[in-house]
Protein backbone atom coordinates (compact mmCIF):
# COMPACT_ATOMS: atom_id res chain seq x y z
CA MET A 1 81.72 134.68 92.12
CA PRO A 2 84.29 132.85 89.91
CA ILE A 3 81.82 131.94 87.16
CA ALA A 4 84.55 130.84 84.74
CA ASN A 5 86.07 128.47 87.32
CA ILE A 6 82.71 126.90 88.16
CA LEU A 7 81.97 126.47 84.47
CA GLY A 8 85.45 125.00 84.06
CA VAL A 9 84.79 122.37 86.75
CA LEU A 10 81.54 121.36 85.05
CA ILE A 11 83.11 121.19 81.58
CA ILE A 12 86.09 119.16 82.82
CA LEU A 13 83.72 116.69 84.48
CA GLY A 14 81.66 116.62 81.29
CA ILE A 15 84.71 115.81 79.16
CA ALA A 16 85.72 112.99 81.51
CA TYR A 17 82.16 111.62 81.47
CA ALA A 18 81.92 111.84 77.69
CA MET A 19 85.27 110.06 77.23
CA SER A 20 84.51 107.35 79.82
CA GLU A 21 84.84 103.71 78.78
CA SER A 22 81.68 102.79 80.72
CA ARG A 23 79.50 105.68 81.89
CA LYS A 24 77.01 103.38 83.60
CA SER A 25 79.80 101.92 85.75
CA ILE A 26 80.89 105.27 87.22
CA ASN A 27 80.52 105.31 91.01
CA VAL A 28 78.92 108.74 91.36
CA LYS A 29 79.06 108.74 95.16
CA SER A 30 82.77 107.92 95.24
CA ALA A 31 83.49 110.46 92.48
CA GLY A 32 81.66 113.14 94.45
CA ARG A 33 83.63 112.41 97.60
CA THR A 34 86.91 112.42 95.67
CA LEU A 35 86.10 115.78 94.06
CA GLY A 36 85.14 117.08 97.49
CA LEU A 37 88.50 115.99 98.91
CA GLN A 38 90.34 117.71 96.07
CA PHE A 39 88.48 120.96 96.82
CA ALA A 40 88.88 120.55 100.59
CA ILE A 41 92.67 120.39 100.22
CA ALA A 42 92.63 123.74 98.40
CA LEU A 43 90.46 125.24 101.13
CA LEU A 44 92.66 123.84 103.90
CA ILE A 45 95.92 125.21 102.51
CA LEU A 46 94.69 128.50 101.02
CA ALA A 47 91.46 129.53 102.76
CA VAL A 48 91.47 128.32 106.37
CA PRO A 49 92.27 131.10 108.88
CA GLY A 50 95.90 130.88 109.90
CA SER A 51 96.99 128.91 106.82
CA PRO A 52 98.99 131.83 105.32
CA ALA A 53 101.07 132.00 108.50
CA VAL A 54 101.69 128.26 108.36
CA MET A 55 102.72 128.49 104.71
CA ASP A 56 105.13 131.32 105.57
CA LYS A 57 106.81 128.97 108.05
CA VAL A 58 106.95 126.20 105.45
CA SER A 59 108.39 128.61 102.89
CA SER A 60 111.09 129.64 105.34
CA GLY A 61 111.91 125.97 105.89
CA VAL A 62 112.15 125.32 102.15
CA THR A 63 114.38 128.37 101.75
CA LYS A 64 116.67 126.92 104.40
CA VAL A 65 116.70 123.56 102.58
CA ILE A 66 117.72 125.33 99.37
CA GLU A 67 120.51 127.05 101.29
CA PHE A 68 121.78 123.64 102.44
CA ALA A 69 121.77 122.47 98.82
CA ASN A 70 123.67 125.60 97.84
CA GLU A 71 126.45 124.68 100.27
CA GLY A 72 127.24 121.59 98.20
CA THR A 73 126.75 123.44 94.92
CA SER A 74 129.08 126.28 95.94
CA PHE A 75 131.74 123.79 97.02
CA VAL A 76 131.78 122.25 93.53
CA PHE A 77 131.03 125.20 91.24
CA GLY A 78 132.43 128.10 93.28
CA PRO A 79 131.39 131.56 92.00
CA LEU A 80 129.17 130.01 89.31
CA ALA A 81 126.75 129.02 92.08
CA ASP A 82 126.51 132.59 93.39
CA PRO A 83 123.32 134.31 92.09
CA SER A 84 125.00 137.71 92.44
CA ASN A 85 127.25 136.73 89.52
CA GLY A 86 124.25 136.14 87.26
CA PHE A 87 121.61 133.43 86.97
CA ILE A 88 122.92 130.07 85.73
CA LEU A 89 120.28 127.36 85.62
CA PHE A 90 122.74 124.46 85.63
CA THR A 91 124.60 125.50 88.78
CA GLN A 92 121.88 127.28 90.78
CA VAL A 93 118.71 125.20 90.29
CA PHE A 94 119.40 121.70 88.98
CA PRO A 95 121.75 120.57 91.81
CA ILE A 96 118.87 121.03 94.26
CA ILE A 97 117.30 117.93 92.69
CA ILE A 98 120.32 115.83 93.73
CA PHE A 99 120.14 117.05 97.33
CA ILE A 100 116.38 116.50 97.67
CA ALA A 101 116.62 113.02 96.13
CA THR A 102 119.31 112.19 98.69
CA VAL A 103 117.15 113.40 101.58
CA PHE A 104 114.16 111.38 100.32
CA ALA A 105 116.32 108.27 99.99
CA ILE A 106 117.44 108.61 103.61
CA LEU A 107 113.84 109.13 104.78
CA PHE A 108 112.75 106.02 102.88
CA HIS A 109 115.62 104.01 104.35
CA LEU A 110 114.56 105.06 107.85
CA ARG A 111 110.96 104.11 106.88
CA ILE A 112 109.74 107.60 107.75
CA MET A 113 108.39 108.16 104.24
CA ASP A 114 106.75 104.73 104.31
CA LEU A 115 104.79 105.77 107.39
CA ILE A 116 103.81 109.14 105.87
CA ILE A 117 102.65 107.57 102.60
CA LYS A 118 100.63 104.82 104.30
CA THR A 119 99.02 107.36 106.64
CA LEU A 120 98.05 109.70 103.80
CA GLY A 121 96.96 106.74 101.69
CA GLY A 122 94.71 105.57 104.51
CA ALA A 123 93.14 109.02 104.73
CA VAL A 124 92.51 109.10 100.97
CA ARG A 125 90.98 105.61 101.13
CA PHE A 126 88.74 106.57 104.06
CA VAL A 127 87.31 109.60 102.25
CA THR A 128 87.11 108.34 98.67
CA GLY A 129 86.43 104.64 99.13
CA ALA A 130 89.23 103.73 96.71
CA SER A 131 91.17 100.52 97.19
CA ARG A 132 94.15 100.46 99.54
CA LEU A 133 96.46 99.91 96.56
CA GLU A 134 95.19 102.91 94.57
CA SER A 135 95.13 105.16 97.62
CA THR A 136 98.72 104.28 98.50
CA VAL A 137 99.99 105.06 95.00
CA SER A 138 98.08 108.36 94.94
CA ALA A 139 99.72 109.35 98.24
CA ALA A 140 103.17 108.18 97.11
CA SER A 141 102.86 110.28 93.96
CA ILE A 142 102.90 113.42 96.11
CA PHE A 143 106.49 112.74 97.12
CA ILE A 144 108.11 110.56 94.46
CA GLY A 145 107.99 110.30 90.68
CA MET A 146 105.42 108.57 88.49
CA VAL A 147 107.81 105.68 87.80
CA GLU A 148 108.87 105.23 91.44
CA ALA A 149 105.42 105.58 93.08
CA PRO A 150 104.01 102.26 91.73
CA LEU A 151 106.97 100.48 93.34
CA ALA A 152 105.18 101.06 96.67
CA ILE A 153 102.73 98.35 95.57
CA LEU A 154 105.11 96.38 93.34
CA PRO A 155 104.05 92.86 94.43
CA TYR A 156 100.44 93.56 93.48
CA LEU A 157 100.69 95.32 90.10
CA LYS A 158 100.23 92.08 88.16
CA LYS A 159 96.85 91.35 89.75
CA MET A 160 95.31 94.81 89.58
CA THR A 161 92.26 95.33 87.37
CA ARG A 162 92.42 97.41 84.20
CA SER A 163 90.73 100.30 86.03
CA GLN A 164 93.19 100.11 88.92
CA LEU A 165 96.19 100.01 86.59
CA PHE A 166 94.85 103.03 84.73
CA THR A 167 94.31 104.89 88.00
CA VAL A 168 97.95 104.23 88.95
CA MET A 169 99.02 105.74 85.62
CA SER A 170 96.64 108.70 86.00
CA CYS A 171 97.90 109.53 89.49
CA GLY A 172 101.48 109.46 88.23
CA LEU A 173 100.86 111.88 85.37
CA ALA A 174 98.66 114.18 87.49
CA SER A 175 101.33 114.55 90.16
CA ILE A 176 104.69 116.23 90.58
CA ALA A 177 107.59 114.67 92.48
CA GLY A 178 108.90 116.33 95.62
CA THR A 179 112.41 116.00 94.20
CA VAL A 180 111.67 118.59 91.50
CA LEU A 181 109.03 120.63 93.32
CA ILE A 182 111.68 122.31 95.45
CA ALA A 183 113.64 123.16 92.30
CA TYR A 184 110.61 125.05 90.96
CA THR A 185 110.59 127.27 94.03
CA ALA A 186 114.19 128.17 93.22
CA LEU A 187 112.89 129.45 89.87
CA GLY A 188 110.53 131.78 91.72
CA VAL A 189 107.31 129.74 91.67
CA ARG A 190 105.08 130.17 94.75
CA LEU A 191 105.56 127.29 97.17
CA ASP A 192 102.06 127.42 98.66
CA LEU A 193 100.54 126.92 95.21
CA LEU A 194 102.95 124.11 94.35
CA LEU A 195 102.15 122.29 97.59
CA THR A 196 98.44 122.81 97.09
CA ALA A 197 98.56 121.45 93.55
CA SER A 198 100.79 118.56 94.59
CA PHE A 199 98.43 117.37 97.34
CA MET A 200 95.34 117.99 95.18
CA ALA A 201 96.84 115.70 92.52
CA ALA A 202 96.35 112.67 94.78
CA PRO A 203 92.52 112.74 94.71
CA GLY A 204 92.59 114.45 91.30
CA GLY A 205 94.33 111.51 89.64
CA LEU A 206 91.98 109.09 91.39
CA LEU A 207 88.93 111.04 90.23
CA MET A 208 89.89 111.19 86.57
CA GLY A 209 91.10 107.60 86.62
CA LYS A 210 87.75 106.33 87.86
CA LEU A 211 85.74 108.57 85.54
CA LEU A 212 87.60 107.66 82.35
CA VAL A 213 88.11 103.95 83.10
CA PRO A 214 85.62 103.03 85.84
CA GLU A 215 85.65 99.70 87.64
CA THR A 216 83.39 97.21 85.86
CA GLY A 217 84.06 94.21 88.10
CA ASP A 218 85.43 93.45 91.53
CA PRO A 219 88.57 95.49 92.30
CA TYR A 220 91.61 93.66 93.57
CA ASP A 221 92.65 94.73 97.06
CA ILE A 222 94.63 93.60 100.08
CA THR A 223 94.27 93.82 103.84
CA SER A 224 97.95 94.50 104.61
CA PHE A 225 101.14 95.33 102.75
CA LYS A 226 104.20 93.27 102.07
CA ASP A 227 107.43 95.18 101.88
CA ALA A 228 107.83 96.21 98.24
CA GLN A 229 111.61 96.19 98.64
CA SER A 230 113.49 92.94 99.15
CA ASP A 231 116.46 92.80 101.48
CA ASP A 232 118.72 92.81 98.41
CA ASP A 233 117.17 96.04 97.12
CA ARG A 234 117.12 97.91 100.42
CA ALA A 235 120.26 99.84 101.36
CA SER A 236 122.26 98.27 104.18
CA ASN A 237 122.84 101.61 105.93
CA VAL A 238 122.16 105.34 105.71
CA ILE A 239 125.36 106.04 103.78
CA GLU A 240 124.42 103.57 101.04
CA ALA A 241 120.89 105.00 100.94
CA ALA A 242 122.26 108.52 100.57
CA THR A 243 124.62 107.38 97.81
CA LYS A 244 121.80 105.70 95.88
CA GLY A 245 119.63 108.78 96.37
CA ALA A 246 122.32 111.10 95.05
CA LEU A 247 122.81 108.97 91.94
CA THR A 248 119.05 108.82 91.40
CA GLY A 249 118.92 112.60 91.70
CA LEU A 250 121.76 112.89 89.19
CA ASN A 251 119.83 110.76 86.70
CA ILE A 252 116.72 112.90 87.16
CA MET A 253 118.73 116.11 86.79
CA MET A 254 120.48 114.95 83.62
CA SER A 255 117.16 113.82 82.13
CA VAL A 256 115.62 117.22 82.79
CA ILE A 257 118.66 119.00 81.33
CA ALA A 258 118.59 116.83 78.20
CA LEU A 259 114.87 117.41 77.67
CA ILE A 260 115.14 121.18 78.13
CA ILE A 261 118.08 121.45 75.71
CA ALA A 262 116.27 119.30 73.16
CA PHE A 263 112.89 121.00 73.35
CA VAL A 264 114.19 124.56 73.48
CA ALA A 265 116.15 123.78 70.31
CA VAL A 266 113.20 122.03 68.64
CA ILE A 267 110.84 124.89 69.48
CA ALA A 268 113.37 127.36 68.02
CA LEU A 269 113.54 125.25 64.85
CA ILE A 270 109.75 125.07 64.57
CA ASN A 271 109.44 128.82 65.11
CA ALA A 272 112.01 129.44 62.35
CA ILE A 273 109.99 127.25 59.98
CA PHE A 274 106.72 128.89 61.01
CA GLY A 275 108.30 132.33 60.61
CA GLY A 276 109.44 131.50 57.08
CA VAL A 277 106.03 130.12 56.13
CA GLY A 278 104.38 133.10 57.78
CA LYS A 279 106.34 135.54 55.60
CA LEU A 280 105.26 133.66 52.48
CA ILE A 281 101.58 133.89 53.41
CA GLY A 282 101.75 137.45 54.70
CA PHE A 283 101.78 136.57 58.41
CA PRO A 284 105.38 137.16 59.59
CA GLY A 285 104.49 136.89 63.28
CA LEU A 286 103.50 133.21 63.03
CA SER A 287 105.03 131.09 65.81
CA LEU A 288 104.36 128.04 67.96
CA GLU A 289 103.66 130.31 70.94
CA LEU A 290 101.05 132.21 68.95
CA LEU A 291 99.31 128.98 67.93
CA PHE A 292 99.36 127.69 71.51
CA GLY A 293 98.00 131.03 72.68
CA TYR A 294 94.88 130.69 70.55
CA LEU A 295 94.52 126.93 71.04
CA PHE A 296 94.70 127.00 74.84
CA ALA A 297 93.03 130.38 75.40
CA PRO A 298 89.57 128.87 76.12
CA ILE A 299 91.09 126.43 78.60
CA ALA A 300 93.02 129.22 80.30
CA TRP A 301 89.78 131.16 80.77
CA LEU A 302 87.98 128.11 82.19
CA ILE A 303 90.65 127.59 84.86
CA GLY A 304 90.48 131.21 86.01
CA VAL A 305 92.90 133.24 83.89
CA PRO A 306 91.37 136.70 83.22
CA ALA A 307 90.03 137.11 79.67
CA ASP A 308 92.60 139.76 78.72
CA GLU A 309 95.48 137.42 79.70
CA VAL A 310 94.41 134.12 78.12
CA LEU A 311 96.38 134.56 74.87
CA ARG A 312 99.56 135.11 76.89
CA ALA A 313 98.78 132.12 79.13
CA GLY A 314 98.13 129.65 76.31
CA PRO A 315 101.78 129.15 75.27
CA PHE A 316 102.76 127.97 78.75
CA LEU A 317 99.95 125.40 78.84
CA GLY A 318 101.05 124.22 75.39
CA GLN A 319 104.72 123.99 76.36
CA LYS A 320 103.78 121.93 79.39
CA LEU A 321 101.85 119.45 77.24
CA VAL A 322 104.27 118.98 74.33
CA ALA A 323 107.56 119.46 76.23
CA ASN A 324 107.49 119.34 80.03
CA GLU A 325 106.44 121.37 83.06
CA PHE A 326 110.01 122.44 83.89
CA LEU A 327 110.40 124.27 80.60
CA ALA A 328 106.94 125.79 80.99
CA TYR A 329 107.73 127.03 84.51
CA LEU A 330 111.12 128.32 83.40
CA ASN A 331 109.52 130.47 80.68
CA PHE A 332 106.54 131.43 82.83
CA THR A 333 108.68 132.82 85.64
CA LYS A 334 110.38 135.12 83.13
CA ASP A 335 107.02 136.67 82.16
CA MET A 336 105.16 136.25 85.44
CA ASP A 337 104.94 140.00 86.08
CA GLN A 338 102.80 140.38 82.96
CA PHE A 339 99.96 138.52 84.69
CA SER A 340 97.57 139.49 87.44
CA GLN A 341 97.66 137.55 90.70
CA GLN A 342 94.60 135.62 89.55
CA GLY A 343 96.32 134.65 86.31
CA GLN A 344 99.55 133.69 88.08
CA ILE A 345 97.68 131.40 90.46
CA ALA A 346 95.73 129.61 87.72
CA ILE A 347 98.78 129.06 85.50
CA THR A 348 101.03 127.94 88.36
CA VAL A 349 98.59 125.25 89.49
CA ALA A 350 97.71 124.11 85.95
CA LEU A 351 101.39 123.52 85.09
CA CYS A 352 102.02 121.41 88.20
CA GLY A 353 102.01 117.85 86.86
CA PHE A 354 103.89 115.34 84.73
CA ALA A 355 101.07 115.13 82.17
CA ASN A 356 102.95 115.64 78.91
CA PHE A 357 104.12 113.54 75.97
CA VAL A 358 107.57 113.06 77.48
CA GLY A 359 105.99 111.91 80.73
CA VAL A 360 103.87 109.37 78.87
CA GLY A 361 106.97 107.88 77.28
CA MET A 362 108.73 107.65 80.63
CA LEU A 363 105.65 106.06 82.21
CA ILE A 364 105.32 103.42 79.48
CA ALA A 365 109.01 102.53 79.77
CA GLY A 366 109.20 102.62 83.57
CA LEU A 367 105.94 100.85 84.44
CA GLY A 368 106.34 98.39 81.59
CA ALA A 369 109.75 97.42 82.94
CA VAL A 370 108.37 96.36 86.35
CA VAL A 371 105.29 94.55 84.95
CA PRO A 372 106.39 93.46 81.45
CA GLU A 373 103.44 91.08 81.13
CA ARG A 374 101.14 94.13 81.06
CA GLN A 375 103.27 96.22 78.70
CA LYS A 376 100.70 96.10 75.87
CA GLU A 377 97.90 97.12 78.22
CA ILE A 378 99.98 99.98 79.63
CA SER A 379 100.76 101.26 76.14
CA GLY A 380 97.10 101.06 75.18
CA LEU A 381 96.07 103.15 78.19
CA ALA A 382 98.90 105.68 77.86
CA MET A 383 97.20 108.45 75.87
CA LYS A 384 94.02 108.23 77.92
CA SER A 385 96.13 108.54 81.09
CA LEU A 386 97.65 111.70 79.58
CA LEU A 387 94.11 113.06 79.25
CA ALA A 388 93.38 112.06 82.85
CA GLY A 389 96.48 113.79 84.19
CA THR A 390 95.84 116.93 82.14
CA LEU A 391 92.19 117.15 83.23
CA SER A 392 93.27 116.65 86.84
CA ASN A 393 95.72 119.56 86.62
CA PHE A 394 93.10 121.81 85.03
CA MET A 395 90.55 120.76 87.66
CA SER A 396 92.97 121.69 90.45
CA ALA A 397 93.51 125.13 88.90
CA ALA A 398 89.77 125.75 88.60
CA LEU A 399 89.11 124.59 92.17
CA VAL A 400 91.95 126.70 93.60
CA GLY A 401 90.37 129.79 92.04
CA ILE A 402 87.06 128.95 93.71
CA ALA A 403 88.79 128.32 97.05
CA ILE A 404 90.61 131.66 96.93
CA ALA A 405 87.39 133.45 96.01
CA PHE A 406 85.74 131.77 99.01
CA ALA A 407 88.65 132.82 101.23
CA GLY A 408 88.18 136.41 100.06
CA PHE A 409 84.45 136.19 100.80
CA ILE A 410 84.99 135.04 104.39
CA GLY A 411 87.92 137.42 104.87
CA THR A 412 90.82 134.96 105.23
CA ALA A 413 92.59 135.67 101.92
């Protein structure tokens, strides 16, 4: 019985309830159904008989996709793209983002992704009772970034209620884009856990959004969608769509590279300062990682990390919050063997989301650009949406531990 995970679920719900803008306005029935959907996704992917075999097939497919990306990378970078010559992050992982962004752009141009998002959004709406607008954004967040996902409902963002706008922001920060998810698998992160966390983020963001900023009036909704893209915005053919996708992927890749360079350097600077101060006070081992270890140790235990591993897990949770999830995954995969399978699972799922300070800045800038008349409101909700995204990620980790324990109990794990 995963007592820590169950306690973690209760505490996370308690924090969201305590921080709610209007506790009396919380729709308990809808919240219960949304939490149930989040848990059901974990059960479906990790605990249902036959799911491991399905995930093996999916993993093989993703491996093949990475091989296709490597064809383009090898053509440009030659031997630098060959892992046998040593691991080079720039030439062996980051270019995958460009390829995946190109594929997604083509799928959107052919309206295949539109159909997938609307179908998944309809399913989320049916189970949770959320509005069609919120459900669509939550589904879109599974595949595209937190700035791009709201564009699926662009014509309606101005009229959404405060609660709906906050839910859009929460879903964005709780999620991870498909364009970078594949890159994490190239680092050595388990695909089944990434997919589980990614799909769980859809109801997870909805849940925390509606707990922290519940609907106090009548939500704005629609009966059918307009096309969010005008004819001028939509690519005229597949080649143009692929070109736009590649350039979008390049922008994402360069942003990630810039952030990693900056934060690795800043963390090294902070550690040097901490080390110097530590020597003066008789504590030479003082570092940012050590502080994160102690600060996030209780959280690590509540999401299922074994007690003897929580101090080692804390730094990764801290890096994810103050820097970004890519840096946290990059460092985690280097030390993954130091953790038990239970610890690896909890950390992997908890890191899977854009909920960090950098993400908040990107969300304010991106969402504020498309609805400038609500810029002040977006900025005011930003830090609370960071809390929502973080709680959603922790909730997913706690629920995954319970689902895996259940799978072990019924003999499917």
